[in-house]
Amino acid sequence: MPPRSVTVTLRTGVGRGILPDGKSMKQGVNYIINYDDFEKISPGARKMIIRVVSLNTTGAARTNRDLTYVATTPPQGIKAGRVERGVSGTDSFMLVKVVDAALVVGDAVTWANLKGRTVTRTRTGGSASTPLMFAGVALTAIPVNSFGWIQISGELNVTNTGLVALTGGDPLALDPANAGQLRVATGTDKVVGTALASGAGASAEIRTAVGKVPYRRFDNRN
């Protein structure tokens, strides 16, 4: 999979820089930018001003939020349910709490408590909702009763489909019989994503209705 974002920083001795979106760069700080924006940076600036830290094939938050965060308490200053938009413009991520069982990377989770933003990989029993409500896909391994980030929309590299091999273009749905897994949608299944490549655990594009920024109307009475 080609890079989707790039982590850059200022070169040693450079005190200030400007990213294509107008954001000022400070020495010693890493910045994650969309790959398309990276290509707008001139060869001269890449050679003299910025240094590439990493090419990223996974989604990244616009705010540089650490999406690998895992702990028994949420990050300081935010709560479960916090949504971070991705640098790609289509990716979105949400901070959740995991119940029932630990997650592995790529696990498809459902809501255990939508209001409390708790999720589970279980499909029957435990805290699983009835009917099942797709929440997103785990970005990293998250122990039970811990907080971590799931991807709720956009493209991702790993999906848990067990041993079932996908074909690019397959519609995906929750597998009601296997914990943490998606399957090729059939019949009346609610489609939650599309396979972007072939093979077991292939990359996919997912979508869920939860986590969208609410529309707010403001009256201008000037």
Protein backbone atom coordinates (compact mmCIF):
# COMPACT_ATOMS: atom_id res chain seq x y z
CA MET A 1 0.00 0.00 0.00
CA PRO A 2 1.44 3.44 -0.93
CA PRO A 3 2.07 6.04 1.82
CA ARG A 4 -1.03 7.88 3.00
CA SER A 5 0.73 10.39 5.20
CA VAL A 6 4.25 11.51 6.05
CA THR A 7 5.76 12.40 9.42
CA VAL A 8 8.18 15.30 9.05
CA THR A 9 10.27 17.47 11.35
CA LEU A 10 12.65 20.40 11.00
CA ARG A 11 16.27 19.62 10.29
CA THR A 12 18.83 20.32 13.00
CA GLY A 13 19.69 24.00 13.06
CA VAL A 14 16.47 25.12 11.35
CA GLY A 15 14.38 27.20 13.72
CA ARG A 16 11.16 27.61 11.78
CA GLY A 17 9.26 26.27 8.80
CA ILE A 18 5.82 26.51 7.18
CA LEU A 19 3.80 23.50 6.06
CA PRO A 20 1.65 23.61 2.89
CA ASP A 21 -1.49 24.16 5.00
CA GLY A 22 0.07 27.24 6.58
CA LYS A 23 0.89 25.64 9.93
CA SER A 24 4.12 26.84 11.54
CA MET A 25 6.70 24.21 12.43
CA LYS A 26 8.81 24.30 15.58
CA GLN A 27 12.13 22.64 16.20
CA GLY A 28 11.92 19.21 17.83
CA VAL A 29 8.25 18.59 16.95
CA ASN A 30 7.01 15.90 14.56
CA TYR A 31 4.19 16.79 12.15
CA ILE A 32 2.00 14.31 10.26
CA ILE A 33 0.79 15.60 6.91
CA ASN A 34 -1.24 14.19 4.04
CA TYR A 35 0.95 12.62 1.34
CA ASP A 36 -0.57 14.95 -1.28
CA ASP A 37 0.51 17.94 0.84
CA PHE A 38 3.98 16.45 1.22
CA GLU A 39 4.36 16.35 -2.55
CA LYS A 40 3.72 20.12 -2.64
CA ILE A 41 6.92 20.72 -0.66
CA SER A 42 9.75 21.71 -2.99
CA PRO A 43 12.82 19.48 -3.38
CA GLY A 44 14.92 22.28 -1.97
CA ALA A 45 12.82 22.52 1.20
CA ARG A 46 12.94 18.76 1.62
CA LYS A 47 16.72 18.88 1.38
CA MET A 48 17.44 21.96 3.49
CA ILE A 49 14.50 22.56 5.86
CA ILE A 50 12.54 19.42 6.68
CA ARG A 51 13.48 15.83 7.36
CA VAL A 52 11.19 12.84 6.75
CA VAL A 53 10.75 10.81 9.92
CA SER A 54 8.49 8.13 8.44
CA LEU A 55 6.21 7.26 5.53
CA ASN A 56 2.90 6.07 6.96
CA THR A 57 0.55 3.57 5.34
CA THR A 58 -1.91 3.75 8.23
CA GLY A 59 -4.25 6.60 9.09
CA ALA A 60 -3.09 9.48 11.26
CA ALA A 61 -4.90 12.21 13.17
CA ARG A 62 -4.67 15.82 12.01
CA THR A 63 -3.88 16.90 15.57
CA ASN A 64 -0.88 14.51 15.82
CA ARG A 65 -2.82 12.64 18.52
CA ASP A 66 -1.11 9.37 19.48
CA LEU A 67 -3.51 6.77 18.10
CA THR A 68 -1.49 3.96 19.69
CA TYR A 69 -2.37 5.21 23.18
CA VAL A 70 -3.54 2.39 25.49
CA ALA A 71 -4.13 2.77 29.24
CA THR A 72 -6.67 2.12 31.97
CA THR A 73 -7.47 5.85 32.00
CA PRO A 74 -8.13 8.13 29.01
CA PRO A 75 -5.51 10.66 27.87
CA GLN A 76 -5.45 13.78 29.99
CA GLY A 77 -8.12 16.27 29.03
CA ILE A 78 -10.27 14.05 26.82
CA LYS A 79 -13.04 11.49 27.35
CA ALA A 80 -14.23 8.33 25.66
CA GLY A 81 -16.14 9.33 22.55
CA ARG A 82 -13.57 11.89 21.40
CA VAL A 83 -13.33 11.87 17.59
CA GLU A 84 -10.15 12.78 15.75
CA ARG A 85 -10.22 13.50 12.02
CA GLY A 86 -7.49 11.99 9.86
CA VAL A 87 -5.00 13.84 7.71
CA SER A 88 -6.42 12.05 4.66
CA GLY A 89 -9.75 13.82 5.04
CA THR A 90 -11.74 10.56 5.01
CA ASP A 91 -10.32 8.81 8.09
CA SER A 92 -11.90 9.25 11.51
CA PHE A 93 -10.92 7.74 14.85
CA MET A 94 -12.64 7.49 18.22
CA LEU A 95 -11.39 6.94 21.75
CA VAL A 96 -13.33 4.09 23.38
CA LYS A 97 -13.19 1.78 26.38
CA VAL A 98 -12.95 -1.97 25.78
CA VAL A 99 -15.04 -4.43 27.78
CA ASP A 100 -15.49 -8.22 27.91
CA ALA A 101 -12.25 -9.25 26.20
CA ALA A 102 -8.97 -7.80 24.90
CA LEU A 103 -8.73 -6.63 21.29
CA VAL A 104 -6.09 -7.38 18.70
CA VAL A 105 -5.22 -5.17 15.73
CA GLY A 106 -7.97 -5.36 13.12
CA ASP A 107 -10.73 -6.58 15.43
CA ALA A 108 -14.15 -5.36 14.33
CA VAL A 109 -16.01 -4.19 17.44
CA THR A 110 -19.60 -3.46 18.27
CA TRP A 111 -21.12 -1.07 20.77
CA ALA A 112 -21.57 -2.42 24.27
CA ASN A 113 -22.83 0.93 25.53
CA LEU A 114 -23.22 3.61 22.89
CA LYS A 115 -23.76 6.41 25.40
CA GLY A 116 -20.73 5.39 27.44
CA ARG A 117 -18.65 4.68 24.31
CA THR A 118 -17.69 1.17 25.38
CA VAL A 119 -17.05 -1.52 22.75
CA THR A 120 -16.70 -5.30 22.66
CA ARG A 121 -15.44 -7.94 20.26
CA THR A 122 -18.00 -10.47 21.54
CA ARG A 123 -20.96 -11.29 19.33
CA THR A 124 -23.22 -13.17 21.75
CA GLY A 125 -23.48 -12.82 25.51
CA GLY A 126 -21.28 -10.48 27.49
CA SER A 127 -21.99 -6.83 26.72
CA ALA A 128 -22.83 -7.31 23.04
CA SER A 129 -25.77 -5.23 21.86
CA THR A 130 -28.87 -6.78 20.31
CA PRO A 131 -29.03 -6.22 17.41
CA LEU A 132 -25.29 -5.87 16.82
CA MET A 133 -24.18 -2.30 16.11
CA PHE A 134 -20.88 -1.87 14.28
CA ALA A 135 -18.56 0.62 16.00
CA GLY A 136 -15.25 0.37 14.15
CA VAL A 137 -11.95 -1.49 13.92
CA ALA A 138 -9.16 -1.62 16.53
CA LEU A 139 -6.00 0.23 15.54
CA THR A 140 -3.84 -1.53 18.11
CA ALA A 141 -4.05 -4.27 20.72
CA ILE A 142 -6.16 -3.01 23.65
CA PRO A 143 -6.49 -4.95 26.93
CA VAL A 144 -9.91 -5.40 28.51
CA ASN A 145 -11.10 -2.47 30.65
CA SER A 146 -8.63 -0.16 28.92
CA PHE A 147 -8.99 2.87 26.66
CA GLY A 148 -7.70 2.99 23.11
CA TRP A 149 -8.51 4.18 19.59
CA ILE A 150 -10.65 2.54 16.94
CA GLN A 151 -11.07 3.65 13.34
CA ILE A 152 -14.68 4.52 12.55
CA SER A 153 -14.35 5.52 8.89
CA GLY A 154 -11.86 5.58 6.05
CA GLU A 155 -9.21 3.17 4.80
CA LEU A 156 -7.34 0.75 7.03
CA ASN A 157 -4.68 -1.88 6.46
CA VAL A 158 -5.82 -4.81 8.59
CA THR A 159 -9.26 -6.30 9.13
CA ASN A 160 -10.03 -9.45 11.06
CA THR A 161 -11.77 -11.88 8.70
CA GLY A 162 -10.38 -15.03 10.29
CA LEU A 163 -9.28 -17.46 7.60
CA VAL A 164 -11.75 -16.14 5.04
CA ALA A 165 -9.97 -14.66 2.03
CA LEU A 166 -11.50 -11.50 0.63
CA THR A 167 -11.63 -10.35 -2.97
CA GLY A 168 -11.18 -6.67 -3.70
CA GLY A 169 -14.62 -5.07 -3.93
CA ASP A 170 -16.34 -7.51 -1.56
CA PRO A 171 -18.96 -5.86 0.67
CA LEU A 172 -18.19 -6.46 4.35
CA ALA A 173 -20.50 -7.04 7.31
CA LEU A 174 -20.18 -8.07 10.94
CA ASP A 175 -19.72 -11.80 11.40
CA PRO A 176 -22.36 -12.67 14.03
CA ALA A 177 -20.78 -16.06 14.80
CA ASN A 178 -17.10 -15.17 15.24
CA ALA A 179 -15.83 -12.65 17.77
CA GLY A 180 -14.02 -9.65 16.33
CA GLN A 181 -14.50 -10.68 12.72
CA LEU A 182 -16.01 -9.27 9.56
CA ARG A 183 -17.27 -11.44 6.71
CA VAL A 184 -18.41 -11.00 3.14
CA ALA A 185 -21.91 -9.57 3.36
CA THR A 186 -24.78 -11.80 2.27
CA GLY A 187 -28.55 -11.52 2.14
CA THR A 188 -29.85 -8.93 4.59
CA ASP A 189 -26.47 -8.19 6.22
CA LYS A 190 -25.84 -4.52 6.91
CA VAL A 191 -22.80 -3.54 4.87
CA VAL A 192 -20.18 -1.72 6.97
CA GLY A 193 -17.31 -1.55 4.50
CA THR A 194 -15.66 -2.68 1.29
CA ALA A 195 -12.55 -4.81 0.76
CA LEU A 196 -9.84 -2.84 -1.05
CA ALA A 197 -7.56 -5.82 -1.67
CA SER A 198 -7.67 -9.59 -1.85
CA GLY A 199 -6.64 -12.04 0.86
CA ALA A 200 -7.44 -12.84 4.48
CA GLY A 201 -7.30 -9.73 6.65
CA ALA A 202 -6.93 -7.52 3.59
CA SER A 203 -7.14 -3.75 3.62
CA ALA A 204 -10.62 -2.27 3.60
CA GLU A 205 -12.64 0.91 3.69
CA ILE A 206 -15.09 1.05 6.57
CA ARG A 207 -17.86 3.37 7.60
CA THR A 208 -20.10 3.84 10.60
CA ALA A 209 -22.74 6.47 11.30
CA VAL A 210 -21.46 7.13 14.81
CA GLY A 211 -18.93 9.85 15.51
CA LYS A 212 -19.93 12.45 12.96
CA VAL A 213 -19.57 16.04 14.07
CA PRO A 214 -23.11 17.35 14.74
CA TYR A 215 -24.44 20.19 12.62
CA ARG A 216 -25.04 23.35 14.62
CA ARG A 217 -27.11 26.26 13.35
CA PHE A 218 -26.14 29.80 14.31
CA ASP A 219 -28.45 32.75 13.83
CA ASN A 220 -26.69 35.84 12.52
CA ARG A 221 -28.68 38.77 13.79
CA ASN A 222 -26.20 41.53 12.98
